[in-house]
Amino acid sequence: MKKSMFILCGLTCAASLFAQEVKRTSNGATNFIHTQDVTEEVRFYAPDIVRVIKYPSRTLPEKKSYPVVKVPETVNISYSEQDDRLSMKTDYMEVVMDKKSGKISFKDAQGNLLVQEKEFGTNFIPRKDGPHDSYLVSQRFMLQPDETIYGLGQQQTGKLNQRGQELMLRNENTRVCIPYITSEKGYGIYWDNPSPTIFSDTPQETSFNSEAGLMSDYYFMYKDGTLPCFRYGQWASGNAANAIKAVTNCAKYWTNTVNSVSRWMVSYKTGNTGAATPTGMR
């Protein structure tokens, strides 16, 4: 009898130890993942913009984001729960949080999967950033095998589609790197980390891997699948300044959303005559 009581007590304590700590908030939800000692937060900035933060502690680290200027709006969120999943829906998207693994999935308003994190795809490796404690931070996503993605700034690879590449995102002469990708499905992901970052895409995963940081921090943007016009061949002729202006005008959907650089969603190069041309369009 005593042995049974001890076993029951042990099971109860274990269940309590690994109990889910999911809380709904005014703009999303938080979750502490015991198996990873990681806290995750989902914060809606607008019906078509959501921020996802993950950090290896219970206290949110202090961080100043210089590119992000968007002030969170009051968003109408519809919550529902099924098994170990919490769903948060707005007029334009649905964000699903797996309470156990912490995996986040993104769907359109009709419930069609757009993209999802890889399960246990957020990793923190302790390191020093000068005299300060920091982490090597990585975030992994799962894209469709035949999905095309654009972005990452001004790259000199001769390619427009950024699938199947590994790129060091660090600004240097002739290269302007922006940790932002946009998909042919109409969504965008902005990785908010200013340190040197490796973008990698393989058949197994798509990831951002930063040399320093205190958290995984990214913004997911989706409205109705509408694509900026320049992705379908509306390229500007003439000098580079005019081409940049045309590209900016085409990207009105992203203007004044999350950050001032989101509009730079396509790579271009300047020829000998100053003409801006698409890099590796195919």
Protein backbone atom coordinates (compact mmCIF):
# COMPACT_ATOMS: atom_id res chain seq x y z
CA MET A 1 0.00 0.00 0.00
CA LYS A 2 2.79 2.42 0.97
CA LYS A 3 4.68 1.51 -2.21
CA SER A 4 1.60 2.33 -4.30
CA MET A 5 1.24 5.65 -2.49
CA PHE A 6 4.88 6.53 -3.24
CA ILE A 7 4.43 5.67 -6.93
CA LEU A 8 1.25 7.76 -7.10
CA CYS A 9 3.02 10.65 -5.38
CA GLY A 10 5.93 10.39 -7.82
CA LEU A 11 3.66 10.42 -10.85
CA THR A 12 1.73 13.39 -9.48
CA CYS A 13 4.95 15.34 -8.85
CA ALA A 14 6.26 14.52 -12.33
CA ALA A 15 3.00 15.63 -13.92
CA SER A 16 3.12 18.84 -11.91
CA LEU A 17 6.75 19.44 -12.88
CA PHE A 18 6.01 19.20 -16.59
CA ALA A 19 2.60 20.86 -16.47
CA GLN A 20 2.01 23.22 -19.36
CA GLU A 21 2.34 26.91 -18.59
CA VAL A 22 0.42 28.47 -21.45
CA LYS A 23 -1.17 31.84 -20.80
CA ARG A 24 -3.32 33.90 -23.11
CA THR A 25 -2.42 37.58 -23.21
CA SER A 26 -4.09 40.68 -24.59
CA ASN A 27 -2.04 40.41 -27.79
CA GLY A 28 -1.24 36.69 -28.06
CA ALA A 29 0.10 34.05 -25.68
CA THR A 30 3.12 32.90 -23.67
CA ASN A 31 4.36 29.39 -23.02
CA PHE A 32 7.17 27.97 -20.88
CA ILE A 33 8.56 24.76 -22.40
CA HIS A 34 9.91 22.66 -19.51
CA THR A 35 11.75 20.14 -21.67
CA GLN A 36 13.85 22.94 -23.15
CA ASP A 37 13.81 25.58 -20.37
CA VAL A 38 12.64 28.05 -22.98
CA THR A 39 9.93 30.71 -22.83
CA GLU A 40 8.11 31.62 -26.00
CA GLU A 41 5.84 34.57 -26.70
CA VAL A 42 3.46 35.26 -29.56
CA ARG A 43 2.63 38.96 -29.95
CA PHE A 44 0.34 40.33 -32.64
CA TYR A 45 1.35 43.77 -33.87
CA ALA A 46 -1.49 43.94 -36.41
CA PRO A 47 -3.98 41.48 -37.91
CA ASP A 48 -1.35 40.66 -40.57
CA ILE A 49 1.83 40.94 -38.45
CA VAL A 50 2.88 38.71 -35.57
CA ARG A 51 6.11 38.62 -33.59
CA VAL A 52 7.51 35.37 -32.15
CA ILE A 53 10.09 35.55 -29.35
CA LYS A 54 11.89 32.68 -27.61
CA TYR A 55 14.51 32.91 -24.86
CA PRO A 56 16.22 30.39 -22.53
CA SER A 57 14.90 31.80 -19.23
CA ARG A 58 11.69 32.91 -17.55
CA THR A 59 12.56 36.59 -17.76
CA LEU A 60 12.45 38.46 -21.07
CA PRO A 61 15.95 39.81 -21.84
CA GLU A 62 16.29 43.51 -22.49
CA LYS A 63 16.61 44.30 -26.17
CA LYS A 64 16.52 47.43 -28.32
CA SER A 65 15.49 46.86 -31.95
CA TYR A 66 16.66 49.66 -34.23
CA PRO A 67 15.07 48.52 -37.53
CA VAL A 68 11.62 47.80 -36.10
CA VAL A 69 9.52 50.94 -35.76
CA LYS A 70 6.05 49.43 -35.76
CA VAL A 71 3.98 50.12 -32.62
CA PRO A 72 1.65 47.21 -31.73
CA GLU A 73 -2.00 47.79 -32.53
CA THR A 74 -5.01 46.46 -30.66
CA VAL A 75 -5.83 43.24 -32.52
CA ASN A 76 -9.00 41.19 -32.31
CA ILE A 77 -7.82 37.61 -31.64
CA SER A 78 -10.02 34.52 -31.62
CA TYR A 79 -8.64 31.74 -29.39
CA SER A 80 -9.41 28.03 -29.51
CA GLU A 81 -7.74 24.93 -28.05
CA GLN A 82 -7.62 21.33 -29.19
CA ASP A 83 -5.49 18.69 -27.48
CA ASP A 84 -2.04 20.24 -27.05
CA ARG A 85 -2.50 23.07 -29.53
CA LEU A 86 -3.53 26.68 -28.99
CA SER A 87 -4.91 28.49 -32.03
CA MET A 88 -4.91 32.29 -32.38
CA LYS A 89 -6.83 33.71 -35.36
CA THR A 90 -7.12 37.20 -36.80
CA ASP A 91 -8.89 38.38 -39.95
CA TYR A 92 -5.88 37.38 -42.07
CA MET A 93 -3.99 34.54 -40.41
CA GLU A 94 -3.98 31.74 -37.86
CA VAL A 95 -1.04 31.05 -35.56
CA VAL A 96 -0.94 27.63 -33.88
CA MET A 97 1.23 26.99 -30.83
CA ASP A 98 2.16 23.43 -29.87
CA LYS A 99 2.09 23.57 -26.07
CA LYS A 100 4.53 20.68 -25.57
CA SER A 101 7.24 21.24 -28.17
CA GLY A 102 6.70 24.99 -28.65
CA LYS A 103 6.53 24.63 -32.43
CA ILE A 104 4.71 27.52 -34.12
CA SER A 105 2.75 27.02 -37.34
CA PHE A 106 1.33 29.74 -39.58
CA LYS A 107 -1.82 29.37 -41.65
CA ASP A 108 -3.99 31.62 -43.78
CA ALA A 109 -7.51 32.61 -42.74
CA GLN A 110 -8.91 29.48 -44.42
CA GLY A 111 -6.62 27.17 -42.42
CA ASN A 112 -4.14 26.36 -45.19
CA LEU A 113 -0.60 25.84 -43.92
CA LEU A 114 1.83 28.56 -45.05
CA VAL A 115 4.98 27.65 -43.13
CA GLN A 116 5.95 26.18 -39.77
CA GLU A 117 8.88 26.02 -37.42
CA LYS A 118 10.83 22.81 -37.25
CA GLU A 119 9.99 20.89 -34.09
CA PHE A 120 12.54 21.76 -31.37
CA GLY A 121 14.01 24.09 -34.00
CA THR A 122 15.10 26.91 -31.67
CA ASN A 123 18.59 26.48 -30.24
CA PHE A 124 20.79 28.47 -27.86
CA ILE A 125 24.50 27.74 -27.34
CA PRO A 126 26.13 29.84 -24.58
CA ARG A 127 29.02 32.07 -25.62
CA LYS A 128 30.61 35.43 -24.85
CA ASP A 129 29.89 38.56 -26.86
CA GLY A 130 32.91 40.54 -25.72
CA PRO A 131 32.56 40.73 -21.92
CA HIS A 132 28.83 39.97 -22.05
CA ASP A 133 27.03 36.65 -21.78
CA SER A 134 25.30 35.74 -25.00
CA TYR A 135 24.25 32.82 -27.20
CA LEU A 136 24.67 31.44 -30.65
CA VAL A 137 21.02 31.60 -31.72
CA SER A 138 19.37 29.56 -34.45
CA GLN A 139 15.80 29.27 -35.68
CA ARG A 140 14.71 26.59 -38.15
CA PHE A 141 11.66 26.49 -40.42
CA MET A 142 10.05 23.89 -42.67
CA LEU A 143 9.14 25.10 -46.17
CA GLN A 144 7.48 23.21 -48.99
CA PRO A 145 10.07 21.45 -51.23
CA ASP A 146 9.09 23.38 -54.38
CA GLU A 147 8.44 26.73 -52.68
CA THR A 148 10.30 29.76 -54.05
CA ILE A 149 11.63 32.45 -51.71
CA TYR A 150 13.17 35.84 -52.42
CA GLY A 151 14.95 38.53 -50.44
CA LEU A 152 18.04 38.66 -48.19
CA GLY A 153 19.08 42.02 -49.61
CA GLN A 154 21.60 42.75 -52.35
CA GLN A 155 23.44 39.50 -53.01
CA GLN A 156 25.98 38.87 -55.76
CA THR A 157 25.15 35.21 -56.36
CA GLY A 158 23.40 35.65 -59.69
CA LYS A 159 20.26 34.04 -58.26
CA LEU A 160 16.81 35.37 -57.49
CA ASN A 161 15.42 32.25 -55.82
CA GLN A 162 17.23 31.86 -52.48
CA ARG A 163 16.47 28.16 -52.02
CA GLY A 164 19.38 25.74 -51.73
CA GLN A 165 21.89 28.34 -50.60
CA GLU A 166 24.05 29.20 -47.60
CA LEU A 167 24.79 32.91 -47.28
CA MET A 168 26.65 34.92 -44.66
CA LEU A 169 24.50 37.99 -43.99
CA ARG A 170 27.08 40.63 -43.18
CA ASN A 171 27.29 43.94 -45.01
CA GLU A 172 30.40 44.56 -47.09
CA ASN A 173 31.38 46.25 -50.34
CA THR A 174 28.78 45.50 -53.08
CA ARG A 175 26.65 43.45 -50.64
CA VAL A 176 23.77 44.79 -48.56
CA CYS A 177 22.38 42.01 -46.40
CA ILE A 178 18.90 42.03 -44.90
CA PRO A 179 17.66 39.02 -42.89
CA TYR A 180 14.28 38.99 -44.59
CA ILE A 181 12.72 36.42 -46.89
CA THR A 182 9.44 36.53 -48.74
CA SER A 183 7.68 33.55 -50.27
CA GLU A 184 5.73 33.06 -53.45
CA LYS A 185 2.85 32.19 -51.09
CA GLY A 186 2.72 35.85 -50.07
CA TYR A 187 4.18 35.72 -46.56
CA GLY A 188 7.35 37.32 -45.24
CA ILE A 189 9.71 36.52 -42.33
CA TYR A 190 11.99 39.16 -40.85
CA TRP A 191 14.74 37.83 -38.55
CA ASP A 192 15.46 40.62 -36.05
CA ASN A 193 19.09 40.04 -35.11
CA PRO A 194 21.86 42.55 -36.03
CA SER A 195 24.81 40.19 -35.56
CA PRO A 196 26.49 38.32 -38.45
CA THR A 197 24.00 35.64 -39.46
CA ILE A 198 24.17 32.60 -41.71
CA PHE A 199 21.06 31.94 -43.77
CA SER A 200 20.89 28.31 -44.81
CA ASP A 201 18.39 26.37 -46.89
CA THR A 202 18.54 22.61 -47.37
CA PRO A 203 15.92 19.97 -48.22
CA GLN A 204 15.63 19.36 -44.46
CA GLU A 205 15.20 22.93 -43.15
CA THR A 206 15.49 26.67 -43.71
CA SER A 207 17.31 28.52 -40.94
CA PHE A 208 18.78 31.73 -39.58
CA ASN A 209 21.89 31.20 -37.43
CA SER A 210 23.23 34.27 -35.62
CA GLU A 211 26.62 34.64 -33.94
CA ALA A 212 25.25 36.52 -30.92
CA GLY A 213 21.91 37.22 -29.31
CA LEU A 214 19.78 36.74 -26.21
CA MET A 215 16.67 35.48 -27.98
CA SER A 216 15.16 34.12 -31.15
CA ASP A 217 13.14 37.06 -32.47
CA TYR A 218 11.29 37.21 -35.77
CA TYR A 219 8.22 38.75 -37.42
CA PHE A 220 5.81 36.85 -39.65
CA MET A 221 3.70 38.89 -42.11
CA TYR A 222 0.78 37.72 -44.20
CA LYS A 223 -2.41 39.32 -45.44
CA ASP A 224 -4.16 37.73 -48.41
CA GLY A 225 -1.39 36.19 -50.50
CA THR A 226 -1.04 39.32 -52.64
CA LEU A 227 2.42 39.59 -54.17
CA PRO A 228 4.26 42.84 -54.97
CA CYS A 229 4.17 43.46 -58.72
CA PHE A 230 7.93 43.37 -59.32
CA ARG A 231 8.17 39.68 -58.49
CA TYR A 232 6.43 38.88 -61.75
CA GLY A 233 8.79 40.73 -64.04
CA GLN A 234 7.80 44.40 -63.72
CA TRP A 235 11.39 45.59 -63.68
CA ALA A 236 12.38 49.24 -64.03
CA SER A 237 14.74 50.40 -66.74
CA GLY A 238 17.09 53.35 -66.56
CA ASN A 239 19.43 54.21 -63.73
CA ALA A 240 19.64 52.45 -60.39
CA ALA A 241 17.91 55.27 -58.50
CA ASN A 242 14.80 55.01 -60.69
CA ALA A 243 14.81 51.23 -60.32
CA ILE A 244 14.96 51.50 -56.55
CA LYS A 245 12.08 53.98 -56.60
CA ALA A 246 10.01 51.64 -58.76
CA VAL A 247 10.70 48.66 -56.53
CA THR A 248 9.73 50.69 -53.48
CA ASN A 249 6.48 51.80 -55.10
CA CYS A 250 5.63 48.20 -56.00
CA ALA A 251 6.09 47.11 -52.40
CA LYS A 252 3.37 49.34 -50.94
CA TYR A 253 1.91 46.41 -49.06
CA TRP A 254 4.92 46.23 -46.78
CA THR A 255 5.48 49.98 -46.38
CA ASN A 256 4.96 51.15 -42.78
CA THR A 257 4.38 47.63 -41.53
CA VAL A 258 7.24 46.29 -39.44
CA ASN A 259 10.40 48.07 -40.51
CA SER A 260 11.81 50.50 -43.00
CA VAL A 261 13.84 47.90 -44.87
CA SER A 262 11.12 45.34 -45.53
CA ARG A 263 10.55 46.87 -48.97
CA TRP A 264 14.00 45.68 -50.10
CA MET A 265 12.70 42.25 -50.97
CA VAL A 266 14.60 41.62 -54.18
CA SER A 267 18.29 41.60 -55.12
CA TYR A 268 19.52 43.75 -58.00
CA LYS A 269 22.87 44.64 -59.49
CA THR A 270 24.13 47.73 -61.28
CA GLY A 271 25.74 47.29 -64.68
CA ASN A 272 28.44 49.36 -66.33
CA THR A 273 25.88 51.83 -67.67
CA GLY A 274 24.15 52.23 -64.31
CA ALA A 275 21.15 50.16 -65.32
CA ALA A 276 19.57 48.05 -62.61
CA THR A 277 18.84 44.50 -63.73
CA PRO A 278 17.31 41.44 -62.00
CA THR A 279 19.86 39.00 -60.62
CA GLY A 280 19.34 35.52 -61.97
CA MET A 281 15.64 35.72 -62.80
CA ARG A 282 14.27 32.34 -63.78
